[in-house]
Amino acid sequence: VDDFQVEAVINTGIAGSLKAEINIGDIVASTDALQHDMDAREFGYPKGQIPQMNVFSFKADETLRKVAVECCKKANPDIQVFEGRVVSGDQFVASSEVKDELIREFAGSCTEMEGAAIAQAAYLNHVPFVVLRAISDKADNSATMDYPTFEKAAARHCANLVKEMVKAL
């Protein structure tokens, strides 16, 4: 941000779906992002909130999100695009129990490992951002089987989306 005078951050990657209607190959455009494995409840923070931050989650830029949704429909007409919360943590979620906990605690749409950290950096630097995640697996007991098969298709969907966004922006 400092070296390149970044005006916006568009972060792409893959994630596990936390909602039945979000299928492998679909894309989630973030409404917000949070760290699901941050736990400072002993200090009075709700689970997921980073201590000494004045927000629970990091809100994505509404304009970037809307452009992403419209561009995804154009660039990837064979899949669906959803808007929702991205929950990040230092784990590959491949357990129905963990998935159910993330849904119950955070109402996430998808789970991955870095989007919330990027969202936090953008927030702290006052740079608009959106996290875009193509779904590679269902974040349950089938995740380790689904991931290798669908990773390439998910990456292709993200690349198509970003190319279309660059034209639109």
N, C-alpha and C. Protein backbone atom coordinates (compact mmCIF):
# COMPACT_ATOMS: atom_id res chain seq x y z
N VAL A 1 0.84 -1.19 0.00
CA VAL A 1 0.00 0.00 0.00
C VAL A 1 0.87 1.25 0.00
N ASP A 2 1.87 1.27 0.84
CA ASP A 2 2.75 2.44 0.91
C ASP A 2 3.62 2.57 -0.33
N ASP A 3 4.18 1.48 -0.80
CA ASP A 3 5.12 1.53 -1.91
C ASP A 3 4.46 1.77 -3.27
N PHE A 4 3.22 1.28 -3.43
CA PHE A 4 2.59 1.33 -4.74
C PHE A 4 1.33 2.17 -4.79
N GLN A 5 1.04 2.93 -3.75
CA GLN A 5 -0.14 3.81 -3.71
C GLN A 5 -1.40 3.05 -4.15
N VAL A 6 -1.62 1.93 -3.53
CA VAL A 6 -2.75 1.06 -3.84
C VAL A 6 -4.06 1.80 -3.60
N GLU A 7 -4.94 1.73 -4.58
CA GLU A 7 -6.24 2.39 -4.48
C GLU A 7 -7.33 1.44 -4.03
N ALA A 8 -7.13 0.14 -4.25
CA ALA A 8 -8.10 -0.88 -3.86
C ALA A 8 -7.41 -2.24 -3.84
N VAL A 9 -7.97 -3.15 -3.05
CA VAL A 9 -7.45 -4.51 -2.97
C VAL A 9 -8.56 -5.47 -3.39
N ILE A 10 -8.25 -6.29 -4.39
CA ILE A 10 -9.14 -7.36 -4.81
C ILE A 10 -8.38 -8.65 -4.54
N ASN A 11 -8.82 -9.39 -3.54
CA ASN A 11 -8.15 -10.63 -3.16
C ASN A 11 -8.97 -11.81 -3.63
N THR A 12 -8.32 -12.71 -4.35
CA THR A 12 -9.02 -13.90 -4.85
C THR A 12 -8.38 -15.16 -4.31
N GLY A 13 -9.11 -16.23 -4.40
CA GLY A 13 -8.60 -17.52 -3.96
C GLY A 13 -9.74 -18.51 -3.87
N ILE A 14 -9.49 -19.57 -3.14
CA ILE A 14 -10.48 -20.62 -3.01
C ILE A 14 -10.91 -20.77 -1.56
N ALA A 15 -12.05 -21.41 -1.35
CA ALA A 15 -12.61 -21.55 -0.01
C ALA A 15 -13.53 -22.75 0.03
N GLY A 16 -13.88 -23.13 1.24
CA GLY A 16 -14.87 -24.17 1.47
C GLY A 16 -16.23 -23.53 1.71
N SER A 17 -17.26 -24.07 1.11
CA SER A 17 -18.62 -23.54 1.29
C SER A 17 -19.15 -23.87 2.68
N LEU A 18 -19.84 -22.90 3.27
CA LEU A 18 -20.51 -23.13 4.55
C LEU A 18 -22.03 -23.16 4.40
N LYS A 19 -22.51 -23.00 3.18
CA LYS A 19 -23.96 -22.98 2.95
C LYS A 19 -24.32 -24.00 1.88
N ALA A 20 -25.41 -24.70 2.11
CA ALA A 20 -25.84 -25.76 1.19
C ALA A 20 -26.05 -25.24 -0.23
N GLU A 21 -26.56 -24.02 -0.37
CA GLU A 21 -26.87 -23.49 -1.70
C GLU A 21 -25.64 -22.98 -2.45
N ILE A 22 -24.50 -22.85 -1.76
CA ILE A 22 -23.26 -22.41 -2.42
C ILE A 22 -22.48 -23.66 -2.79
N ASN A 23 -22.42 -23.92 -4.09
CA ASN A 23 -21.85 -25.18 -4.58
C ASN A 23 -20.40 -25.02 -5.04
N ILE A 24 -19.75 -26.15 -5.20
CA ILE A 24 -18.40 -26.17 -5.72
C ILE A 24 -18.39 -25.47 -7.07
N GLY A 25 -17.44 -24.55 -7.24
CA GLY A 25 -17.32 -23.76 -8.46
C GLY A 25 -17.93 -22.38 -8.34
N ASP A 26 -18.94 -22.21 -7.47
CA ASP A 26 -19.57 -20.91 -7.28
C ASP A 26 -18.57 -19.94 -6.66
N ILE A 27 -18.93 -18.65 -6.67
CA ILE A 27 -18.07 -17.61 -6.10
C ILE A 27 -18.81 -16.86 -5.01
N VAL A 28 -18.08 -16.53 -3.94
CA VAL A 28 -18.58 -15.68 -2.87
C VAL A 28 -17.82 -14.36 -2.91
N ALA A 29 -18.57 -13.27 -2.98
CA ALA A 29 -18.01 -11.92 -2.87
C ALA A 29 -18.27 -11.45 -1.44
N SER A 30 -17.24 -11.04 -0.75
CA SER A 30 -17.36 -10.75 0.68
C SER A 30 -18.21 -9.52 0.99
N THR A 31 -19.08 -9.67 1.97
CA THR A 31 -19.73 -8.52 2.59
C THR A 31 -18.82 -8.01 3.69
N ASP A 32 -18.17 -8.97 4.35
CA ASP A 32 -17.22 -8.68 5.41
C ASP A 32 -16.37 -9.92 5.64
N ALA A 33 -15.35 -9.78 6.48
CA ALA A 33 -14.45 -10.89 6.78
C ALA A 33 -14.04 -10.82 8.24
N LEU A 34 -13.83 -11.99 8.84
CA LEU A 34 -13.36 -12.04 10.23
C LEU A 34 -12.52 -13.28 10.46
N GLN A 35 -11.76 -13.24 11.56
CA GLN A 35 -10.89 -14.36 11.96
C GLN A 35 -11.68 -15.29 12.89
N HIS A 36 -12.13 -16.42 12.38
CA HIS A 36 -12.95 -17.32 13.20
C HIS A 36 -12.17 -17.96 14.34
N ASP A 37 -10.85 -18.03 14.23
CA ASP A 37 -10.08 -18.68 15.28
C ASP A 37 -9.45 -17.69 16.28
N MET A 38 -9.80 -16.42 16.17
CA MET A 38 -9.35 -15.44 17.16
C MET A 38 -10.24 -15.59 18.39
N ASP A 39 -9.62 -15.84 19.53
CA ASP A 39 -10.42 -16.05 20.74
C ASP A 39 -9.80 -15.31 21.92
N ALA A 40 -10.27 -14.09 22.13
CA ALA A 40 -9.81 -13.28 23.26
C ALA A 40 -10.98 -13.02 24.21
N ARG A 41 -11.86 -14.01 24.36
CA ARG A 41 -13.03 -13.84 25.24
C ARG A 41 -12.63 -13.57 26.68
N GLU A 42 -11.49 -14.09 27.09
CA GLU A 42 -11.01 -13.85 28.46
C GLU A 42 -10.77 -12.37 28.73
N PHE A 43 -10.61 -11.58 27.68
CA PHE A 43 -10.39 -10.14 27.81
C PHE A 43 -11.63 -9.33 27.47
N GLY A 44 -12.76 -10.01 27.32
CA GLY A 44 -14.01 -9.31 27.09
C GLY A 44 -14.40 -9.11 25.64
N TYR A 45 -13.64 -9.70 24.70
CA TYR A 45 -13.97 -9.58 23.29
C TYR A 45 -14.82 -10.78 22.86
N PRO A 46 -15.74 -10.57 21.93
CA PRO A 46 -16.47 -11.74 21.41
C PRO A 46 -15.52 -12.60 20.58
N LYS A 47 -15.79 -13.89 20.54
CA LYS A 47 -14.97 -14.78 19.73
C LYS A 47 -15.00 -14.28 18.29
N GLY A 48 -13.82 -14.16 17.69
CA GLY A 48 -13.70 -13.68 16.33
C GLY A 48 -13.19 -12.25 16.24
N GLN A 49 -13.32 -11.47 17.30
CA GLN A 49 -12.86 -10.09 17.25
C GLN A 49 -11.40 -9.99 17.67
N ILE A 50 -10.64 -9.23 16.91
CA ILE A 50 -9.23 -9.01 17.21
C ILE A 50 -9.13 -7.97 18.31
N PRO A 51 -8.38 -8.26 19.39
CA PRO A 51 -8.26 -7.29 20.48
C PRO A 51 -7.77 -5.92 20.00
N GLN A 52 -8.32 -4.90 20.61
CA GLN A 52 -8.01 -3.50 20.38
C GLN A 52 -8.42 -3.00 18.99
N MET A 53 -9.20 -3.79 18.27
CA MET A 53 -9.78 -3.31 17.02
C MET A 53 -11.18 -2.81 17.36
N ASN A 54 -11.58 -1.72 16.74
CA ASN A 54 -12.88 -1.13 17.07
C ASN A 54 -14.03 -1.74 16.26
N VAL A 55 -13.74 -2.83 15.52
CA VAL A 55 -14.78 -3.51 14.74
C VAL A 55 -14.69 -5.02 14.99
N PHE A 56 -15.83 -5.67 14.85
CA PHE A 56 -15.88 -7.13 14.99
C PHE A 56 -15.39 -7.79 13.70
N SER A 57 -15.84 -7.26 12.57
CA SER A 57 -15.44 -7.80 11.27
C SER A 57 -15.07 -6.63 10.37
N PHE A 58 -14.41 -6.95 9.28
CA PHE A 58 -13.94 -5.92 8.36
C PHE A 58 -14.88 -5.88 7.16
N LYS A 59 -15.56 -4.76 6.99
CA LYS A 59 -16.57 -4.60 5.94
C LYS A 59 -15.90 -4.39 4.58
N ALA A 60 -16.34 -5.17 3.61
CA ALA A 60 -15.85 -5.01 2.24
C ALA A 60 -16.46 -3.76 1.62
N ASP A 61 -15.79 -3.23 0.63
CA ASP A 61 -16.29 -2.06 -0.09
C ASP A 61 -17.52 -2.46 -0.92
N GLU A 62 -18.59 -1.74 -0.71
CA GLU A 62 -19.86 -2.07 -1.37
C GLU A 62 -19.76 -1.94 -2.89
N THR A 63 -19.09 -0.91 -3.37
CA THR A 63 -18.96 -0.72 -4.82
C THR A 63 -18.16 -1.85 -5.45
N LEU A 64 -17.04 -2.20 -4.85
CA LEU A 64 -16.23 -3.30 -5.38
C LEU A 64 -17.02 -4.61 -5.38
N ARG A 65 -17.79 -4.83 -4.32
CA ARG A 65 -18.59 -6.06 -4.23
C ARG A 65 -19.65 -6.09 -5.34
N LYS A 66 -20.34 -4.97 -5.54
CA LYS A 66 -21.37 -4.92 -6.59
C LYS A 66 -20.77 -5.13 -7.98
N VAL A 67 -19.63 -4.51 -8.24
CA VAL A 67 -18.94 -4.69 -9.52
C VAL A 67 -18.55 -6.16 -9.67
N ALA A 68 -18.05 -6.76 -8.61
CA ALA A 68 -17.64 -8.17 -8.66
C ALA A 68 -18.83 -9.07 -9.00
N VAL A 69 -19.96 -8.83 -8.38
CA VAL A 69 -21.15 -9.66 -8.62
C VAL A 69 -21.59 -9.54 -10.07
N GLU A 70 -21.68 -8.32 -10.58
CA GLU A 70 -22.10 -8.11 -11.96
C GLU A 70 -21.09 -8.70 -12.95
N CYS A 71 -19.82 -8.50 -12.67
CA CYS A 71 -18.78 -9.02 -13.56
C CYS A 71 -18.73 -10.55 -13.53
N CYS A 72 -18.99 -11.12 -12.40
CA CYS A 72 -18.98 -12.58 -12.29
C CYS A 72 -20.10 -13.18 -13.14
N LYS A 73 -21.26 -12.56 -13.10
CA LYS A 73 -22.38 -13.05 -13.92
C LYS A 73 -22.03 -13.03 -15.40
N LYS A 74 -21.28 -12.02 -15.80
CA LYS A 74 -20.87 -11.88 -17.20
C LYS A 74 -19.73 -12.84 -17.56
N ALA A 75 -18.72 -12.91 -16.68
CA ALA A 75 -17.52 -13.69 -16.97
C ALA A 75 -17.70 -15.19 -16.74
N ASN A 76 -18.59 -15.54 -15.83
CA ASN A 76 -18.79 -16.94 -15.45
C ASN A 76 -20.28 -17.28 -15.43
N PRO A 77 -20.95 -17.25 -16.59
CA PRO A 77 -22.40 -17.44 -16.60
C PRO A 77 -22.84 -18.84 -16.18
N ASP A 78 -21.92 -19.79 -16.14
CA ASP A 78 -22.26 -21.16 -15.80
C ASP A 78 -22.27 -21.44 -14.30
N ILE A 79 -21.92 -20.44 -13.48
CA ILE A 79 -21.91 -20.63 -12.02
C ILE A 79 -22.76 -19.54 -11.36
N GLN A 80 -22.97 -19.70 -10.05
CA GLN A 80 -23.68 -18.69 -9.27
C GLN A 80 -22.67 -17.84 -8.49
N VAL A 81 -23.07 -16.61 -8.19
CA VAL A 81 -22.26 -15.74 -7.34
C VAL A 81 -23.12 -15.33 -6.15
N PHE A 82 -22.53 -15.38 -4.97
CA PHE A 82 -23.21 -15.06 -3.72
C PHE A 82 -22.47 -13.94 -3.00
N GLU A 83 -23.17 -13.20 -2.19
CA GLU A 83 -22.55 -12.20 -1.32
C GLU A 83 -22.67 -12.71 0.10
N GLY A 84 -21.57 -12.63 0.88
CA GLY A 84 -21.64 -13.13 2.24
C GLY A 84 -20.34 -12.97 2.99
N ARG A 85 -20.40 -13.40 4.23
CA ARG A 85 -19.25 -13.28 5.15
C ARG A 85 -18.21 -14.37 4.85
N VAL A 86 -16.96 -13.94 4.80
CA VAL A 86 -15.81 -14.83 4.66
C VAL A 86 -15.20 -14.98 6.05
N VAL A 87 -15.05 -16.23 6.50
CA VAL A 87 -14.43 -16.47 7.80
C VAL A 87 -13.10 -17.17 7.58
N SER A 88 -12.05 -16.60 8.16
CA SER A 88 -10.68 -17.08 7.97
C SER A 88 -10.14 -17.69 9.25
N GLY A 89 -9.28 -18.67 9.09
CA GLY A 89 -8.61 -19.27 10.24
C GLY A 89 -7.43 -20.08 9.78
N ASP A 90 -6.60 -20.45 10.73
CA ASP A 90 -5.38 -21.21 10.42
C ASP A 90 -5.67 -22.71 10.38
N GLN A 91 -6.64 -23.09 9.57
CA GLN A 91 -6.94 -24.51 9.41
C GLN A 91 -7.71 -24.75 8.12
N PHE A 92 -7.48 -25.90 7.53
CA PHE A 92 -8.28 -26.35 6.40
C PHE A 92 -9.48 -27.08 7.00
N VAL A 93 -10.66 -26.54 6.81
CA VAL A 93 -11.85 -27.12 7.43
C VAL A 93 -12.32 -28.30 6.60
N ALA A 94 -12.26 -29.48 7.22
CA ALA A 94 -12.65 -30.72 6.57
C ALA A 94 -13.45 -31.59 7.53
N SER A 95 -14.26 -30.95 8.35
CA SER A 95 -15.04 -31.64 9.37
C SER A 95 -16.43 -31.02 9.45
N SER A 96 -17.44 -31.85 9.39
CA SER A 96 -18.81 -31.35 9.51
C SER A 96 -19.04 -30.65 10.84
N GLU A 97 -18.38 -31.13 11.89
CA GLU A 97 -18.55 -30.51 13.21
C GLU A 97 -17.99 -29.09 13.24
N VAL A 98 -16.80 -28.91 12.68
CA VAL A 98 -16.19 -27.57 12.64
C VAL A 98 -17.03 -26.67 11.73
N LYS A 99 -17.45 -27.19 10.60
CA LYS A 99 -18.29 -26.42 9.68
C LYS A 99 -19.56 -25.94 10.38
N ASP A 100 -20.24 -26.83 11.07
CA ASP A 100 -21.47 -26.47 11.78
C ASP A 100 -21.22 -25.39 12.83
N GLU A 101 -20.07 -25.48 13.51
CA GLU A 101 -19.71 -24.47 14.51
C GLU A 101 -19.49 -23.10 13.86
N LEU A 102 -18.83 -23.05 12.72
CA LEU A 102 -18.59 -21.78 12.02
C LEU A 102 -19.90 -21.17 11.54
N ILE A 103 -20.80 -22.00 11.09
CA ILE A 103 -22.12 -21.51 10.66
C ILE A 103 -22.87 -20.95 11.85
N ARG A 104 -22.89 -21.70 12.94
CA ARG A 104 -23.63 -21.29 14.14
C ARG A 104 -23.05 -20.02 14.77
N GLU A 105 -21.74 -19.97 14.90
CA GLU A 105 -21.10 -18.84 15.59
C GLU A 105 -20.97 -17.58 14.75
N PHE A 106 -20.75 -17.74 13.43
CA PHE A 106 -20.38 -16.57 12.62
C PHE A 106 -21.25 -16.33 11.40
N ALA A 107 -22.17 -17.23 11.11
CA ALA A 107 -23.04 -17.09 9.93
C ALA A 107 -22.22 -16.84 8.67
N GLY A 108 -21.12 -17.58 8.53
CA GLY A 108 -20.26 -17.42 7.37
C GLY A 108 -20.83 -18.06 6.13
N SER A 109 -20.41 -17.56 4.99
CA SER A 109 -20.78 -18.15 3.71
C SER A 109 -19.70 -19.11 3.21
N CYS A 110 -18.44 -18.79 3.55
CA CYS A 110 -17.34 -19.68 3.18
C CYS A 110 -16.20 -19.51 4.17
N THR A 111 -15.30 -20.49 4.17
CA THR A 111 -14.16 -20.47 5.07
C THR A 111 -12.87 -20.72 4.31
N GLU A 112 -11.84 -19.98 4.71
CA GLU A 112 -10.53 -20.08 4.07
C GLU A 112 -9.48 -19.62 5.06
N MET A 113 -8.27 -19.30 4.59
CA MET A 113 -7.18 -19.09 5.53
C MET A 113 -6.53 -17.71 5.53
N GLU A 114 -6.88 -16.80 4.61
CA GLU A 114 -6.15 -15.53 4.60
C GLU A 114 -6.97 -14.29 4.34
N GLY A 115 -8.18 -14.39 3.88
CA GLY A 115 -8.97 -13.22 3.48
C GLY A 115 -9.14 -12.19 4.58
N ALA A 116 -9.39 -12.63 5.81
CA ALA A 116 -9.61 -11.67 6.90
C ALA A 116 -8.33 -10.91 7.24
N ALA A 117 -7.18 -11.54 7.11
CA ALA A 117 -5.92 -10.83 7.36
C ALA A 117 -5.70 -9.75 6.31
N ILE A 118 -6.02 -10.05 5.07
CA ILE A 118 -5.90 -9.06 4.00
C ILE A 118 -6.92 -7.95 4.22
N ALA A 119 -8.13 -8.32 4.63
CA ALA A 119 -9.17 -7.33 4.93
C ALA A 119 -8.73 -6.42 6.07
N GLN A 120 -8.11 -6.98 7.10
CA GLN A 120 -7.63 -6.19 8.22
C GLN A 120 -6.55 -5.20 7.76
N ALA A 121 -5.61 -5.65 6.94
CA ALA A 121 -4.56 -4.76 6.44
C ALA A 121 -5.17 -3.63 5.62
N ALA A 122 -6.14 -3.95 4.77
CA ALA A 122 -6.79 -2.92 3.96
C ALA A 122 -7.53 -1.93 4.87
N TYR A 123 -8.24 -2.45 5.85
CA TYR A 123 -8.98 -1.61 6.80
C TYR A 123 -8.03 -0.64 7.53
N LEU A 124 -6.93 -1.16 8.04
CA LEU A 124 -5.97 -0.33 8.78
C LEU A 124 -5.31 0.73 7.89
N ASN A 125 -5.25 0.46 6.60
CA ASN A 125 -4.65 1.41 5.66
C ASN A 125 -5.68 2.26 4.92
N HIS A 126 -6.95 2.12 5.32
CA HIS A 126 -8.05 2.90 4.72
C HIS A 126 -8.13 2.71 3.20
N VAL A 127 -7.98 1.45 2.78
CA VAL A 127 -8.05 1.09 1.37
C VAL A 127 -9.27 0.20 1.16
N PRO A 128 -10.12 0.52 0.20
CA PRO A 128 -11.28 -0.33 -0.06
C PRO A 128 -10.83 -1.72 -0.53
N PHE A 129 -11.60 -2.74 -0.17
CA PHE A 129 -11.23 -4.10 -0.55
C PHE A 129 -12.48 -4.94 -0.79
N VAL A 130 -12.26 -6.05 -1.46
CA VAL A 130 -13.24 -7.12 -1.56
C VAL A 130 -12.46 -8.43 -1.62
N VAL A 131 -12.98 -9.44 -0.93
CA VAL A 131 -12.41 -10.78 -0.97
C VAL A 131 -13.34 -11.62 -1.84
N LEU A 132 -12.77 -12.27 -2.84
CA LEU A 132 -13.54 -13.11 -3.76
C LEU A 132 -13.04 -14.54 -3.62
N ARG A 133 -13.96 -15.45 -3.33
CA ARG A 133 -13.58 -16.84 -3.12
C ARG A 133 -14.38 -17.77 -4.02
N ALA A 134 -13.67 -18.55 -4.81
CA ALA A 134 -14.30 -19.62 -5.59
C ALA A 134 -14.34 -20.85 -4.70
N ILE A 135 -15.44 -21.54 -4.73
CA ILE A 135 -15.64 -22.68 -3.83
C ILE A 135 -14.98 -23.94 -4.43
N SER A 136 -14.07 -24.52 -3.65
CA SER A 136 -13.35 -25.72 -4.09
C SER A 136 -13.84 -26.98 -3.39
N ASP A 137 -14.57 -26.79 -2.28
CA ASP A 137 -15.03 -27.95 -1.51
C ASP A 137 -16.17 -27.51 -0.60
N LYS A 138 -16.76 -28.48 0.08
CA LYS A 138 -17.92 -28.20 0.94
C LYS A 138 -17.54 -28.07 2.42
N ALA A 139 -16.25 -27.97 2.74
CA ALA A 139 -15.77 -27.78 4.12
C ALA A 139 -16.35 -28.81 5.07
N ASP A 140 -16.44 -30.05 4.61
CA ASP A 140 -16.95 -31.11 5.47
C ASP A 140 -16.07 -32.35 5.27
N ASN A 141 -16.61 -33.51 5.60
CA ASN A 141 -15.80 -34.72 5.53
C ASN A 141 -15.40 -35.10 4.10
N SER A 142 -15.99 -34.47 3.10
CA SER A 142 -15.63 -34.73 1.70
C SER A 142 -14.57 -33.75 1.19
N ALA A 143 -14.17 -32.79 1.99
CA ALA A 143 -13.31 -31.70 1.52
C ALA A 143 -11.98 -32.18 0.95
N THR A 144 -11.37 -33.15 1.58
CA THR A 144 -10.06 -33.59 1.09
C THR A 144 -10.17 -34.30 -0.25
N MET A 145 -11.35 -34.85 -0.57
CA MET A 145 -11.55 -35.47 -1.88
C MET A 145 -11.90 -34.42 -2.93
N ASP A 146 -12.71 -33.42 -2.57
CA ASP A 146 -13.17 -32.41 -3.52
C ASP A 146 -12.08 -31.43 -3.91
N TYR A 147 -11.28 -30.99 -2.95
CA TYR A 147 -10.32 -29.91 -3.16
C TYR A 147 -9.41 -30.11 -4.37
N PRO A 148 -8.69 -31.23 -4.48
CA PRO A 148 -7.77 -31.37 -5.61
C PRO A 148 -8.49 -31.36 -6.96
N THR A 149 -9.68 -31.92 -7.01
CA THR A 149 -10.43 -32.01 -8.25
C THR A 149 -10.90 -30.65 -8.73
N PHE A 150 -11.37 -29.82 -7.83
CA PHE A 150 -12.02 -28.58 -8.21
C PHE A 150 -11.16 -27.33 -8.06
N GLU A 151 -9.96 -27.47 -7.54
CA GLU A 151 -9.07 -26.32 -7.34
C GLU A 151 -8.81 -25.56 -8.64
N LYS A 152 -8.51 -26.27 -9.72
CA LYS A 152 -8.19 -25.61 -11.00
C LYS A 152 -9.40 -24.88 -11.57
N ALA A 153 -10.56 -25.49 -11.49
CA ALA A 153 -11.78 -24.82 -11.99
C ALA A 153 -12.07 -23.57 -11.18
N ALA A 154 -11.88 -23.66 -9.87
CA ALA A 154 -12.12 -22.51 -9.00
C ALA A 154 -11.16 -21.37 -9.35
N ALA A 155 -9.90 -21.69 -9.57
CA ALA A 155 -8.91 -20.67 -9.94
C ALA A 155 -9.27 -20.03 -11.29
N ARG A 156 -9.75 -20.82 -12.23
CA ARG A 156 -10.17 -20.30 -13.54
C ARG A 156 -11.33 -19.32 -13.38
N HIS A 157 -12.29 -19.66 -12.54
CA HIS A 157 -13.43 -18.76 -12.31
C HIS A 157 -12.97 -17.44 -11.71
N CYS A 158 -12.04 -17.48 -10.77
CA CYS A 158 -11.51 -16.25 -10.17
C CYS A 158 -10.78 -15.41 -11.21
N ALA A 159 -9.96 -16.05 -12.04
CA ALA A 159 -9.21 -15.32 -13.06
C ALA A 159 -10.17 -14.65 -14.05
N ASN A 160 -11.19 -15.36 -14.48
CA ASN A 160 -12.18 -14.77 -15.39
C ASN A 160 -12.85 -13.56 -14.75
N LEU A 161 -13.19 -13.68 -13.49
CA LEU A 161 -13.85 -12.60 -12.77
C LEU A 161 -12.95 -11.37 -12.67
N VAL A 162 -11.71 -11.55 -12.27
CA VAL A 162 -10.80 -10.41 -12.10
C VAL A 162 -10.54 -9.71 -13.43
N LYS A 163 -10.37 -10.47 -14.49
CA LYS A 163 -10.17 -9.86 -15.82
C LYS A 163 -11.37 -8.96 -16.17
N GLU A 164 -12.56 -9.44 -15.90
CA GLU A 164 -13.76 -8.67 -16.20
C GLU A 164 -13.85 -7.43 -15.29
N MET A 165 -13.46 -7.59 -14.02
CA MET A 165 -13.49 -6.45 -13.10
C MET A 165 -12.53 -5.35 -13.52
N VAL A 166 -11.34 -5.74 -13.98
CA VAL A 166 -10.34 -4.76 -14.41
C VAL A 166 -10.90 -3.94 -15.57
N LYS A 167 -11.60 -4.59 -16.48
CA LYS A 167 -12.23 -3.84 -17.59
C LYS A 167 -13.28 -2.88 -17.07
N ALA A 168 -14.06 -3.31 -16.08
CA ALA A 168 -15.18 -2.51 -15.57
C ALA A 168 -14.71 -1.35 -14.70
N LEU A 169 -13.59 -1.53 -14.03
CA LEU A 169 -13.10 -0.48 -13.12
C LEU A 169 -12.21 0.49 -13.87
